[in-house]
Amino acid sequence: MDNGMTGESPRKTRTLSASDRAYEWIRNAILTGVFREGEFLDEVALSHEVNTSRTPVREALHRLQAERFIDILPRRGAQVRMISAQELEEVYATRFVLESHAFDEIVSQGHALPRRATEIAEELYEAGTKERWNDVAQLDQRLHSLFVSHAGNAVMSELYDSLQPRQVRLSVRTISTAPDRLDIIHGEHLALIEHLSTGNLESAVATLKKHLDRIPSLMRTFS
């Protein structure tokens, strides 16, 4: 089965355990749409795909359940979680609270954004032009995580990064369904970087709100 994965996880630079290998394969298969929402996963078939026994696959599935990629149902097995409009709304609302607070800290403390922020934004846009949606989602999370971590609050940064699995999956779903938003997203990312770099908190928060707000084209994907 070819899932066309192009992810850039740093774990690829080391030898993975069988459990890690199964986890990454199944996770990326879910993110890239090889396994659809509501689909049940067969442990035997998965063990053949990743060339391992069922035990590492089972360990990987429990990890994916903890990260809310799947649900493990009694006597039915592992099922890819359905994403609801409510979950989308709640994740984005939480992101707004954490990121807007981080913006306040960045501006009040006069922290200059690292050049890496612009580089990530450009890498994201390039990946989008090539329809590498998994890479787009990973880079989007990385950029916003950089904003939050730059505020210097380790606990807040840890809380934000705990959203990463759901954030990436939601991003893949929304951008792949509405790819016409790529230019808008890119423009808003550059605007956020500009506003934070010049200390314009009001404009940064207003841009963030627009960036994370519900829009009809997004919500239709969850109907």
N, C-alpha and C. Protein backbone atom coordinates (compact mmCIF):
# COMPACT_ATOMS: atom_id res chain seq x y z
N MET A 1 0.86 -1.19 0.00
CA MET A 1 0.00 0.00 0.00
C MET A 1 0.89 1.23 0.00
N ASP A 2 0.70 2.15 -0.94
CA ASP A 2 1.50 3.35 -1.05
C ASP A 2 0.72 4.53 -0.51
N ASN A 3 1.23 5.16 0.55
CA ASN A 3 0.51 6.28 1.12
C ASN A 3 1.09 7.62 0.74
N GLY A 4 2.14 7.64 -0.07
CA GLY A 4 2.70 8.88 -0.57
C GLY A 4 3.22 9.79 0.53
N MET A 5 3.75 9.23 1.59
CA MET A 5 4.16 10.04 2.72
C MET A 5 5.47 10.76 2.43
N THR A 6 5.55 12.00 2.88
CA THR A 6 6.75 12.80 2.71
C THR A 6 7.14 13.47 4.01
N GLY A 7 6.71 12.93 5.13
CA GLY A 7 6.95 13.57 6.42
C GLY A 7 8.43 13.71 6.72
N GLU A 8 8.76 14.59 7.65
CA GLU A 8 10.15 14.89 7.92
C GLU A 8 10.47 14.74 9.39
N SER A 9 9.93 13.69 10.02
CA SER A 9 10.14 13.50 11.45
C SER A 9 11.60 13.27 11.75
N PRO A 10 12.13 13.90 12.79
CA PRO A 10 13.52 13.69 13.16
C PRO A 10 13.81 12.27 13.57
N ARG A 11 12.75 11.49 13.89
CA ARG A 11 12.98 10.10 14.27
C ARG A 11 13.52 9.27 13.12
N LYS A 12 13.39 9.79 11.88
CA LYS A 12 13.88 9.03 10.73
C LYS A 12 15.39 8.95 10.73
N THR A 13 16.06 9.80 11.53
CA THR A 13 17.51 9.83 11.52
C THR A 13 18.11 8.75 12.42
N ARG A 14 17.29 8.01 13.16
CA ARG A 14 17.80 6.94 13.99
C ARG A 14 17.06 5.65 13.67
N THR A 15 17.58 4.57 14.19
CA THR A 15 16.95 3.28 13.97
C THR A 15 15.72 3.18 14.87
N LEU A 16 14.57 2.93 14.25
CA LEU A 16 13.32 2.87 15.01
C LEU A 16 13.07 1.47 15.54
N SER A 17 12.45 1.40 16.71
CA SER A 17 11.99 0.11 17.21
C SER A 17 10.80 -0.32 16.38
N ALA A 18 10.42 -1.58 16.49
CA ALA A 18 9.27 -2.09 15.74
C ALA A 18 8.01 -1.32 16.12
N SER A 19 7.86 -0.99 17.40
CA SER A 19 6.69 -0.25 17.85
C SER A 19 6.68 1.17 17.28
N ASP A 20 7.85 1.82 17.29
CA ASP A 20 7.94 3.17 16.72
C ASP A 20 7.66 3.15 15.22
N ARG A 21 8.18 2.13 14.56
CA ARG A 21 7.97 2.03 13.11
C ARG A 21 6.49 1.86 12.79
N ALA A 22 5.83 1.01 13.56
CA ALA A 22 4.39 0.81 13.35
C ALA A 22 3.62 2.09 13.66
N TYR A 23 4.00 2.76 14.74
CA TYR A 23 3.33 4.01 15.12
C TYR A 23 3.44 5.04 14.01
N GLU A 24 4.64 5.25 13.51
CA GLU A 24 4.82 6.29 12.48
C GLU A 24 4.10 5.92 11.19
N TRP A 25 4.12 4.64 10.82
CA TRP A 25 3.45 4.25 9.57
C TRP A 25 1.93 4.46 9.69
N ILE A 26 1.36 3.99 10.78
CA ILE A 26 -0.10 4.12 10.94
C ILE A 26 -0.49 5.59 11.08
N ARG A 27 0.26 6.34 11.87
CA ARG A 27 -0.03 7.77 12.07
C ARG A 27 -0.02 8.51 10.73
N ASN A 28 1.02 8.31 9.94
CA ASN A 28 1.10 8.99 8.66
C ASN A 28 0.03 8.52 7.69
N ALA A 29 -0.33 7.24 7.79
CA ALA A 29 -1.40 6.73 6.93
C ALA A 29 -2.74 7.39 7.26
N ILE A 30 -2.96 7.67 8.54
CA ILE A 30 -4.17 8.38 8.93
C ILE A 30 -4.12 9.82 8.44
N LEU A 31 -2.98 10.48 8.65
CA LEU A 31 -2.83 11.88 8.26
C LEU A 31 -2.97 12.08 6.75
N THR A 32 -2.49 11.13 5.97
CA THR A 32 -2.52 11.28 4.51
C THR A 32 -3.77 10.68 3.88
N GLY A 33 -4.68 10.17 4.70
CA GLY A 33 -5.95 9.70 4.17
C GLY A 33 -5.97 8.27 3.67
N VAL A 34 -4.90 7.52 3.88
CA VAL A 34 -4.92 6.10 3.52
C VAL A 34 -5.99 5.39 4.33
N PHE A 35 -6.08 5.72 5.61
CA PHE A 35 -7.15 5.22 6.47
C PHE A 35 -8.12 6.36 6.72
N ARG A 36 -9.37 6.16 6.41
CA ARG A 36 -10.40 7.20 6.51
C ARG A 36 -11.03 7.23 7.90
N GLU A 37 -11.65 8.33 8.21
CA GLU A 37 -12.38 8.44 9.47
C GLU A 37 -13.45 7.37 9.56
N GLY A 38 -13.51 6.73 10.71
CA GLY A 38 -14.50 5.68 10.92
C GLY A 38 -14.04 4.30 10.48
N GLU A 39 -12.91 4.23 9.79
CA GLU A 39 -12.43 2.93 9.29
C GLU A 39 -11.81 2.12 10.42
N PHE A 40 -12.09 0.82 10.43
CA PHE A 40 -11.48 -0.07 11.41
C PHE A 40 -10.14 -0.57 10.87
N LEU A 41 -9.16 -0.70 11.78
CA LEU A 41 -7.81 -1.11 11.42
C LEU A 41 -7.60 -2.56 11.82
N ASP A 42 -7.05 -3.33 10.90
CA ASP A 42 -6.82 -4.75 11.13
C ASP A 42 -5.37 -4.96 11.57
N GLU A 43 -5.18 -5.51 12.77
CA GLU A 43 -3.84 -5.70 13.31
C GLU A 43 -2.97 -6.59 12.44
N VAL A 44 -3.55 -7.64 11.89
CA VAL A 44 -2.79 -8.56 11.06
C VAL A 44 -2.31 -7.86 9.79
N ALA A 45 -3.20 -7.14 9.13
CA ALA A 45 -2.81 -6.42 7.92
C ALA A 45 -1.75 -5.37 8.23
N LEU A 46 -1.89 -4.68 9.35
CA LEU A 46 -0.91 -3.66 9.72
C LEU A 46 0.45 -4.29 10.01
N SER A 47 0.46 -5.43 10.66
CA SER A 47 1.73 -6.09 10.95
C SER A 47 2.45 -6.49 9.67
N HIS A 48 1.67 -6.86 8.63
CA HIS A 48 2.28 -7.18 7.34
C HIS A 48 2.84 -5.92 6.68
N GLU A 49 2.13 -4.81 6.80
CA GLU A 49 2.57 -3.57 6.18
C GLU A 49 3.90 -3.09 6.75
N VAL A 50 4.06 -3.20 8.06
CA VAL A 50 5.28 -2.69 8.69
C VAL A 50 6.28 -3.80 8.98
N ASN A 51 5.96 -5.01 8.53
CA ASN A 51 6.87 -6.15 8.64
C ASN A 51 7.29 -6.41 10.09
N THR A 52 6.29 -6.57 10.94
CA THR A 52 6.56 -6.84 12.34
C THR A 52 5.47 -7.75 12.88
N SER A 53 5.59 -8.13 14.14
CA SER A 53 4.55 -8.95 14.76
C SER A 53 3.39 -8.07 15.22
N ARG A 54 2.36 -8.69 15.73
CA ARG A 54 1.18 -7.93 16.14
C ARG A 54 1.40 -7.16 17.44
N THR A 55 2.36 -7.61 18.27
CA THR A 55 2.58 -6.93 19.55
C THR A 55 3.03 -5.48 19.37
N PRO A 56 4.04 -5.19 18.52
CA PRO A 56 4.40 -3.78 18.31
C PRO A 56 3.26 -2.96 17.70
N VAL A 57 2.47 -3.60 16.84
CA VAL A 57 1.32 -2.90 16.25
C VAL A 57 0.33 -2.54 17.35
N ARG A 58 0.08 -3.47 18.25
CA ARG A 58 -0.86 -3.22 19.35
C ARG A 58 -0.35 -2.08 20.24
N GLU A 59 0.96 -2.08 20.49
CA GLU A 59 1.56 -1.00 21.29
C GLU A 59 1.39 0.34 20.58
N ALA A 60 1.58 0.34 19.27
CA ALA A 60 1.44 1.57 18.48
C ALA A 60 0.00 2.07 18.52
N LEU A 61 -0.95 1.16 18.46
CA LEU A 61 -2.36 1.54 18.49
C LEU A 61 -2.74 2.17 19.82
N HIS A 62 -2.20 1.66 20.90
CA HIS A 62 -2.49 2.26 22.21
C HIS A 62 -1.90 3.66 22.30
N ARG A 63 -0.75 3.85 21.72
CA ARG A 63 -0.15 5.19 21.69
C ARG A 63 -0.99 6.15 20.85
N LEU A 64 -1.48 5.67 19.73
CA LEU A 64 -2.32 6.49 18.85
C LEU A 64 -3.66 6.80 19.51
N GLN A 65 -4.15 5.89 20.32
CA GLN A 65 -5.38 6.15 21.06
C GLN A 65 -5.14 7.29 22.07
N ALA A 66 -4.00 7.26 22.75
CA ALA A 66 -3.69 8.31 23.72
C ALA A 66 -3.59 9.67 23.06
N GLU A 67 -3.15 9.68 21.79
CA GLU A 67 -3.02 10.93 21.04
C GLU A 67 -4.29 11.28 20.26
N ARG A 68 -5.32 10.47 20.45
CA ARG A 68 -6.66 10.73 19.89
C ARG A 68 -6.72 10.63 18.36
N PHE A 69 -5.87 9.78 17.81
CA PHE A 69 -5.97 9.46 16.39
C PHE A 69 -7.00 8.36 16.16
N ILE A 70 -7.11 7.46 17.12
CA ILE A 70 -8.03 6.32 16.99
C ILE A 70 -8.77 6.11 18.30
N ASP A 71 -9.83 5.32 18.22
CA ASP A 71 -10.52 4.82 19.41
C ASP A 71 -10.40 3.30 19.39
N ILE A 72 -10.13 2.71 20.53
CA ILE A 72 -10.11 1.26 20.64
C ILE A 72 -11.40 0.84 21.33
N LEU A 73 -12.25 0.14 20.57
CA LEU A 73 -13.58 -0.21 21.04
C LEU A 73 -13.62 -1.67 21.49
N PRO A 74 -14.21 -1.95 22.65
CA PRO A 74 -14.29 -3.33 23.13
C PRO A 74 -14.94 -4.25 22.10
N ARG A 75 -14.29 -5.38 21.84
CA ARG A 75 -14.77 -6.43 20.95
C ARG A 75 -14.92 -5.98 19.49
N ARG A 76 -14.48 -4.74 19.17
CA ARG A 76 -14.58 -4.26 17.79
C ARG A 76 -13.23 -3.86 17.21
N GLY A 77 -12.30 -3.47 18.07
CA GLY A 77 -10.97 -3.13 17.60
C GLY A 77 -10.72 -1.63 17.47
N ALA A 78 -9.68 -1.30 16.72
CA ALA A 78 -9.25 0.09 16.58
C ALA A 78 -9.97 0.76 15.42
N GLN A 79 -10.51 1.94 15.67
CA GLN A 79 -11.24 2.69 14.65
C GLN A 79 -10.67 4.10 14.57
N VAL A 80 -10.43 4.58 13.36
CA VAL A 80 -9.95 5.95 13.17
C VAL A 80 -11.01 6.92 13.68
N ARG A 81 -10.59 7.84 14.55
CA ARG A 81 -11.53 8.77 15.17
C ARG A 81 -12.18 9.69 14.14
N MET A 82 -13.45 9.95 14.36
CA MET A 82 -14.17 10.93 13.56
C MET A 82 -13.89 12.31 14.14
N ILE A 83 -13.60 13.28 13.27
CA ILE A 83 -13.38 14.65 13.71
C ILE A 83 -14.69 15.41 13.61
N SER A 84 -15.09 16.04 14.70
CA SER A 84 -16.35 16.78 14.70
C SER A 84 -16.10 18.28 14.57
N ALA A 85 -17.13 19.01 14.17
CA ALA A 85 -17.04 20.47 14.10
C ALA A 85 -16.77 21.04 15.48
N GLN A 86 -17.36 20.42 16.52
CA GLN A 86 -17.15 20.92 17.88
C GLN A 86 -15.69 20.78 18.29
N GLU A 87 -15.07 19.65 17.93
CA GLU A 87 -13.66 19.46 18.27
C GLU A 87 -12.79 20.49 17.56
N LEU A 88 -13.09 20.74 16.28
CA LEU A 88 -12.36 21.75 15.53
C LEU A 88 -12.45 23.10 16.25
N GLU A 89 -13.67 23.46 16.62
CA GLU A 89 -13.90 24.75 17.27
C GLU A 89 -13.16 24.84 18.59
N GLU A 90 -13.18 23.77 19.37
CA GLU A 90 -12.54 23.78 20.68
C GLU A 90 -11.03 23.85 20.58
N VAL A 91 -10.46 23.12 19.64
CA VAL A 91 -9.00 23.17 19.45
C VAL A 91 -8.56 24.56 19.04
N TYR A 92 -9.29 25.16 18.09
CA TYR A 92 -8.91 26.49 17.62
C TYR A 92 -9.11 27.54 18.71
N ALA A 93 -10.16 27.40 19.53
CA ALA A 93 -10.37 28.34 20.64
C ALA A 93 -9.24 28.24 21.65
N THR A 94 -8.80 27.03 21.94
CA THR A 94 -7.70 26.84 22.87
C THR A 94 -6.41 27.41 22.31
N ARG A 95 -6.18 27.19 21.04
CA ARG A 95 -5.00 27.76 20.40
C ARG A 95 -5.01 29.28 20.50
N PHE A 96 -6.17 29.89 20.29
CA PHE A 96 -6.24 31.36 20.34
C PHE A 96 -5.86 31.88 21.72
N VAL A 97 -6.36 31.23 22.77
CA VAL A 97 -6.05 31.66 24.13
C VAL A 97 -4.54 31.59 24.39
N LEU A 98 -3.93 30.46 24.04
CA LEU A 98 -2.51 30.27 24.31
C LEU A 98 -1.64 31.18 23.44
N GLU A 99 -1.97 31.25 22.15
CA GLU A 99 -1.13 32.03 21.25
C GLU A 99 -1.26 33.53 21.50
N SER A 100 -2.45 34.01 21.75
CA SER A 100 -2.61 35.44 21.99
C SER A 100 -1.88 35.86 23.27
N HIS A 101 -1.90 34.99 24.28
CA HIS A 101 -1.14 35.28 25.50
C HIS A 101 0.36 35.30 25.20
N ALA A 102 0.81 34.36 24.39
CA ALA A 102 2.22 34.33 24.00
C ALA A 102 2.61 35.61 23.26
N PHE A 103 1.72 36.09 22.38
CA PHE A 103 1.98 37.33 21.64
C PHE A 103 2.18 38.50 22.62
N ASP A 104 1.32 38.56 23.63
CA ASP A 104 1.42 39.61 24.63
C ASP A 104 2.78 39.58 25.31
N GLU A 105 3.23 38.39 25.66
CA GLU A 105 4.53 38.24 26.32
C GLU A 105 5.68 38.63 25.38
N ILE A 106 5.59 38.21 24.14
CA ILE A 106 6.65 38.51 23.17
C ILE A 106 6.80 40.02 23.00
N VAL A 107 5.67 40.69 22.83
CA VAL A 107 5.70 42.14 22.60
C VAL A 107 6.12 42.89 23.86
N SER A 108 5.56 42.53 25.01
CA SER A 108 5.87 43.25 26.25
C SER A 108 7.32 43.09 26.66
N GLN A 109 7.91 41.94 26.34
CA GLN A 109 9.30 41.70 26.70
C GLN A 109 10.27 42.10 25.60
N GLY A 110 9.72 42.51 24.45
CA GLY A 110 10.57 42.96 23.35
C GLY A 110 11.42 41.86 22.74
N HIS A 111 10.89 40.65 22.73
CA HIS A 111 11.62 39.52 22.16
C HIS A 111 11.57 39.57 20.63
N ALA A 112 12.69 39.65 19.99
CA ALA A 112 12.73 39.63 18.52
C ALA A 112 12.53 38.21 18.03
N LEU A 113 11.65 38.03 17.03
CA LEU A 113 11.42 36.70 16.49
C LEU A 113 12.67 36.21 15.75
N PRO A 114 12.97 34.92 15.86
CA PRO A 114 14.10 34.39 15.12
C PRO A 114 13.80 34.34 13.63
N ARG A 115 14.84 34.43 12.82
CA ARG A 115 14.70 34.37 11.37
C ARG A 115 14.00 33.08 10.94
N ARG A 116 14.14 32.07 11.75
CA ARG A 116 13.56 30.76 11.42
C ARG A 116 12.06 30.85 11.18
N ALA A 117 11.39 31.80 11.81
CA ALA A 117 9.93 31.92 11.64
C ALA A 117 9.58 32.16 10.18
N THR A 118 10.27 33.10 9.55
CA THR A 118 10.01 33.39 8.13
C THR A 118 10.39 32.21 7.26
N GLU A 119 11.47 31.55 7.60
CA GLU A 119 11.91 30.39 6.81
C GLU A 119 10.87 29.28 6.86
N ILE A 120 10.29 29.02 8.03
CA ILE A 120 9.26 27.99 8.15
C ILE A 120 8.03 28.37 7.33
N ALA A 121 7.64 29.65 7.41
CA ALA A 121 6.48 30.11 6.64
C ALA A 121 6.68 29.90 5.15
N GLU A 122 7.88 30.15 4.66
CA GLU A 122 8.16 29.96 3.23
C GLU A 122 8.21 28.48 2.87
N GLU A 123 8.77 27.65 3.75
CA GLU A 123 8.79 26.21 3.51
C GLU A 123 7.36 25.66 3.46
N LEU A 124 6.52 26.17 4.34
CA LEU A 124 5.12 25.74 4.38
C LEU A 124 4.43 26.08 3.06
N TYR A 125 4.63 27.28 2.58
CA TYR A 125 3.99 27.69 1.34
C TYR A 125 4.47 26.83 0.16
N GLU A 126 5.76 26.59 0.11
CA GLU A 126 6.31 25.75 -0.96
C GLU A 126 5.73 24.35 -0.92
N ALA A 127 5.62 23.78 0.29
CA ALA A 127 5.03 22.44 0.42
C ALA A 127 3.59 22.45 -0.05
N GLY A 128 2.87 23.55 0.24
CA GLY A 128 1.48 23.65 -0.19
C GLY A 128 1.33 23.71 -1.69
N THR A 129 2.23 24.40 -2.37
CA THR A 129 2.16 24.48 -3.83
C THR A 129 2.38 23.12 -4.47
N LYS A 130 3.01 22.21 -3.73
CA LYS A 130 3.25 20.85 -4.22
C LYS A 130 2.23 19.86 -3.65
N GLU A 131 1.24 20.40 -2.95
CA GLU A 131 0.16 19.60 -2.35
C GLU A 131 0.68 18.53 -1.38
N ARG A 132 1.73 18.86 -0.67
CA ARG A 132 2.25 17.97 0.36
C ARG A 132 1.59 18.37 1.68
N TRP A 133 0.33 17.96 1.83
CA TRP A 133 -0.49 18.47 2.92
C TRP A 133 -0.01 18.05 4.29
N ASN A 134 0.54 16.88 4.41
CA ASN A 134 1.08 16.46 5.71
C ASN A 134 2.23 17.37 6.12
N ASP A 135 3.12 17.70 5.17
CA ASP A 135 4.22 18.60 5.47
C ASP A 135 3.70 19.99 5.82
N VAL A 136 2.67 20.44 5.09
CA VAL A 136 2.07 21.75 5.39
C VAL A 136 1.59 21.79 6.84
N ALA A 137 0.87 20.75 7.25
CA ALA A 137 0.32 20.71 8.60
C ALA A 137 1.43 20.65 9.65
N GLN A 138 2.46 19.86 9.40
CA GLN A 138 3.57 19.77 10.35
C GLN A 138 4.28 21.10 10.48
N LEU A 139 4.51 21.78 9.35
CA LEU A 139 5.19 23.07 9.37
C LEU A 139 4.34 24.15 10.01
N ASP A 140 3.03 24.09 9.78
CA ASP A 140 2.13 25.05 10.41
C ASP A 140 2.19 24.92 11.92
N GLN A 141 2.15 23.70 12.42
CA GLN A 141 2.24 23.49 13.86
C GLN A 141 3.59 23.96 14.38
N ARG A 142 4.64 23.72 13.62
CA ARG A 142 5.98 24.12 14.04
C ARG A 142 6.11 25.63 14.14
N LEU A 143 5.52 26.35 13.18
CA LEU A 143 5.58 27.80 13.19
C LEU A 143 4.85 28.38 14.40
N HIS A 144 3.63 27.92 14.62
CA HIS A 144 2.85 28.45 15.74
C HIS A 144 3.45 28.03 17.08
N SER A 145 4.04 26.85 17.12
CA SER A 145 4.72 26.41 18.33
C SER A 145 5.93 27.29 18.62
N LEU A 146 6.60 27.74 17.56
CA LEU A 146 7.73 28.65 17.72
C LEU A 146 7.27 29.96 18.35
N PHE A 147 6.12 30.47 17.88
CA PHE A 147 5.58 31.69 18.48
C PHE A 147 5.38 31.51 19.99
N VAL A 148 4.74 30.40 20.35
CA VAL A 148 4.42 30.18 21.76
C VAL A 148 5.68 29.98 22.59
N SER A 149 6.60 29.18 22.11
CA SER A 149 7.83 28.92 22.88
C SER A 149 8.67 30.18 23.03
N HIS A 150 8.55 31.11 22.06
CA HIS A 150 9.35 32.33 22.10
C HIS A 150 8.91 33.26 23.22
N ALA A 151 7.73 33.01 23.79
CA ALA A 151 7.27 33.82 24.93
C ALA A 151 8.05 33.49 26.19
N GLY A 152 8.72 32.34 26.22
CA GLY A 152 9.58 31.99 27.34
C GLY A 152 8.90 31.31 28.50
N ASN A 153 7.66 30.84 28.29
CA ASN A 153 6.92 30.14 29.35
C ASN A 153 6.90 28.66 29.01
N ALA A 154 7.72 27.88 29.70
CA ALA A 154 7.90 26.47 29.36
C ALA A 154 6.62 25.66 29.57
N VAL A 155 5.86 25.98 30.62
CA VAL A 155 4.61 25.25 30.89
C VAL A 155 3.59 25.52 29.79
N MET A 156 3.46 26.79 29.40
CA MET A 156 2.53 27.13 28.33
C MET A 156 2.93 26.47 27.02
N SER A 157 4.23 26.43 26.76
CA SER A 157 4.72 25.79 25.54
C SER A 157 4.42 24.30 25.54
N GLU A 158 4.57 23.67 26.71
CA GLU A 158 4.27 22.24 26.83
C GLU A 158 2.78 21.98 26.61
N LEU A 159 1.93 22.83 27.17
CA LEU A 159 0.49 22.69 26.96
C LEU A 159 0.14 22.84 25.49
N TYR A 160 0.74 23.81 24.84
CA TYR A 160 0.45 24.03 23.42
C TYR A 160 0.87 22.82 22.59
N ASP A 161 2.06 22.31 22.85
CA ASP A 161 2.55 21.18 22.06
C ASP A 161 1.75 19.91 22.31
N SER A 162 1.04 19.84 23.43
CA SER A 162 0.20 18.67 23.67
C SER A 162 -0.95 18.60 22.68
N LEU A 163 -1.27 19.72 22.04
CA LEU A 163 -2.33 19.74 21.02
C LEU A 163 -1.82 19.25 19.67
N GLN A 164 -0.53 19.05 19.55
CA GLN A 164 0.08 18.78 18.24
C GLN A 164 -0.58 17.66 17.44
N PRO A 165 -0.86 16.49 18.02
CA PRO A 165 -1.47 15.43 17.20
C PRO A 165 -2.80 15.85 16.58
N ARG A 166 -3.68 16.44 17.40
CA ARG A 166 -4.98 16.86 16.86
C ARG A 166 -4.83 18.06 15.91
N GLN A 167 -3.93 18.97 16.27
CA GLN A 167 -3.72 20.15 15.43
C GLN A 167 -3.26 19.76 14.03
N VAL A 168 -2.32 18.83 13.95
CA VAL A 168 -1.80 18.40 12.65
C VAL A 168 -2.89 17.70 11.85
N ARG A 169 -3.63 16.83 12.52
CA ARG A 169 -4.67 16.10 11.79
C ARG A 169 -5.77 17.03 11.28
N LEU A 170 -6.17 17.99 12.12
CA LEU A 170 -7.17 18.95 11.68
C LEU A 170 -6.64 19.80 10.53
N SER A 171 -5.38 20.18 10.60
CA SER A 171 -4.80 21.01 9.54
C SER A 171 -4.76 20.26 8.21
N VAL A 172 -4.37 18.98 8.26
CA VAL A 172 -4.35 18.18 7.03
C VAL A 172 -5.74 18.13 6.42
N ARG A 173 -6.73 17.89 7.27
CA ARG A 173 -8.10 17.76 6.79
C ARG A 173 -8.60 19.05 6.16
N THR A 174 -8.35 20.18 6.82
CA THR A 174 -8.91 21.43 6.34
C THR A 174 -8.18 21.97 5.11
N ILE A 175 -6.84 21.94 5.11
CA ILE A 175 -6.11 22.52 3.98
C ILE A 175 -6.25 21.65 2.74
N SER A 176 -6.31 20.33 2.90
CA SER A 176 -6.45 19.46 1.73
C SER A 176 -7.85 19.57 1.13
N THR A 177 -8.83 19.93 1.96
CA THR A 177 -10.20 20.10 1.48
C THR A 177 -10.40 21.48 0.86
N ALA A 178 -9.66 22.47 1.36
CA ALA A 178 -9.79 23.84 0.83
C ALA A 178 -8.42 24.40 0.49
N PRO A 179 -7.75 23.82 -0.52
CA PRO A 179 -6.38 24.25 -0.86
C PRO A 179 -6.30 25.68 -1.36
N ASP A 180 -7.43 26.25 -1.77
CA ASP A 180 -7.44 27.64 -2.23
C ASP A 180 -7.09 28.61 -1.10
N ARG A 181 -7.12 28.15 0.14
CA ARG A 181 -6.79 29.00 1.28
C ARG A 181 -5.28 29.15 1.48
N LEU A 182 -4.48 28.46 0.69
CA LEU A 182 -3.03 28.47 0.91
C LEU A 182 -2.46 29.88 0.85
N ASP A 183 -2.85 30.67 -0.16
CA ASP A 183 -2.33 32.04 -0.28
C ASP A 183 -2.77 32.89 0.91
N ILE A 184 -4.01 32.70 1.35
CA ILE A 184 -4.51 33.47 2.50
C ILE A 184 -3.72 33.11 3.75
N ILE A 185 -3.52 31.82 3.97
CA ILE A 185 -2.77 31.36 5.14
C ILE A 185 -1.35 31.92 5.12
N HIS A 186 -0.72 31.88 3.94
CA HIS A 186 0.65 32.37 3.83
C HIS A 186 0.71 33.87 4.15
N GLY A 187 -0.23 34.62 3.61
CA GLY A 187 -0.27 36.05 3.88
C GLY A 187 -0.45 36.35 5.35
N GLU A 188 -1.31 35.58 6.01
CA GLU A 188 -1.54 35.79 7.44
C GLU A 188 -0.33 35.41 8.27
N HIS A 189 0.37 34.36 7.88
CA HIS A 189 1.60 33.99 8.59
C HIS A 189 2.63 35.12 8.50
N LEU A 190 2.82 35.66 7.31
CA LEU A 190 3.78 36.74 7.14
C LEU A 190 3.35 37.99 7.91
N ALA A 191 2.04 38.23 7.95
CA ALA A 191 1.53 39.38 8.71
C ALA A 191 1.78 39.19 10.21
N LEU A 192 1.56 37.99 10.71
CA LEU A 192 1.82 37.71 12.13
C LEU A 192 3.29 37.96 12.47
N ILE A 193 4.17 37.49 11.62
CA ILE A 193 5.61 37.68 11.83
C ILE A 193 5.96 39.16 11.83
N GLU A 194 5.38 39.90 10.88
CA GLU A 194 5.64 41.34 10.78
C GLU A 194 5.12 42.08 12.02
N HIS A 195 3.91 41.80 12.43
CA HIS A 195 3.33 42.49 13.58
C HIS A 195 4.10 42.20 14.86
N LEU A 196 4.50 40.94 15.05
CA LEU A 196 5.25 40.60 16.25
C LEU A 196 6.65 41.20 16.22
N SER A 197 7.23 41.28 15.03
CA SER A 197 8.58 41.83 14.89
C SER A 197 8.60 43.33 15.15
N THR A 198 7.49 44.00 14.86
CA THR A 198 7.41 45.45 15.06
C THR A 198 6.71 45.83 16.36
N GLY A 199 6.32 44.83 17.14
CA GLY A 199 5.70 45.10 18.43
C GLY A 199 4.26 45.57 18.36
N ASN A 200 3.57 45.24 17.28
CA ASN A 200 2.18 45.68 17.11
C ASN A 200 1.24 44.57 17.62
N LEU A 201 1.00 44.58 18.93
CA LEU A 201 0.23 43.51 19.55
C LEU A 201 -1.21 43.49 19.06
N GLU A 202 -1.83 44.64 18.97
CA GLU A 202 -3.24 44.70 18.56
C GLU A 202 -3.44 44.08 17.18
N SER A 203 -2.59 44.42 16.22
CA SER A 203 -2.71 43.87 14.88
C SER A 203 -2.37 42.38 14.85
N ALA A 204 -1.39 41.98 15.66
CA ALA A 204 -1.02 40.56 15.72
C ALA A 204 -2.18 39.72 16.22
N VAL A 205 -2.85 40.16 17.29
CA VAL A 205 -3.97 39.40 17.85
C VAL A 205 -5.15 39.41 16.89
N ALA A 206 -5.40 40.54 16.23
CA ALA A 206 -6.51 40.61 15.27
C ALA A 206 -6.26 39.67 14.09
N THR A 207 -5.01 39.60 13.63
CA THR A 207 -4.67 38.70 12.53
C THR A 207 -4.80 37.25 12.97
N LEU A 208 -4.37 36.96 14.19
CA LEU A 208 -4.48 35.60 14.71
C LEU A 208 -5.94 35.18 14.80
N LYS A 209 -6.79 36.07 15.28
CA LYS A 209 -8.22 35.75 15.40
C LYS A 209 -8.80 35.41 14.03
N LYS A 210 -8.47 36.20 13.03
CA LYS A 210 -8.95 35.93 11.67
C LYS A 210 -8.37 34.62 11.15
N HIS A 211 -7.12 34.38 11.48
CA HIS A 211 -6.41 33.18 11.02
C HIS A 211 -7.05 31.90 11.57
N LEU A 212 -7.54 31.97 12.81
CA LEU A 212 -8.07 30.78 13.47
C LEU A 212 -9.60 30.70 13.46
N ASP A 213 -10.24 31.77 13.02
CA ASP A 213 -11.71 31.79 13.03
C ASP A 213 -12.31 30.72 12.13
N ARG A 214 -13.51 30.29 12.50
CA ARG A 214 -14.27 29.39 11.63
C ARG A 214 -14.64 30.12 10.34
N ILE A 215 -14.56 29.40 9.24
CA ILE A 215 -15.04 29.94 7.97
C ILE A 215 -15.89 28.86 7.31
N PRO A 216 -16.85 29.25 6.47
CA PRO A 216 -17.77 28.27 5.88
C PRO A 216 -17.07 27.14 5.13
N SER A 217 -16.03 27.46 4.41
CA SER A 217 -15.36 26.40 3.64
C SER A 217 -14.71 25.37 4.53
N LEU A 218 -14.26 25.80 5.73
CA LEU A 218 -13.70 24.85 6.69
C LEU A 218 -14.80 23.99 7.29
N MET A 219 -15.85 24.63 7.76
CA MET A 219 -16.87 23.90 8.48
C MET A 219 -17.63 22.92 7.60
N ARG A 220 -17.73 23.20 6.31
CA ARG A 220 -18.43 22.26 5.42
C ARG A 220 -17.73 20.92 5.37
N THR A 221 -16.41 20.91 5.63
CA THR A 221 -15.69 19.64 5.59
C THR A 221 -16.05 18.74 6.75
N PHE A 222 -16.71 19.28 7.77
CA PHE A 222 -17.07 18.50 8.94
C PHE A 222 -18.57 18.24 9.04
N SER A 223 -19.29 18.59 7.97
CA SER A 223 -20.74 18.40 8.01
C SER A 223 -21.11 16.96 7.74
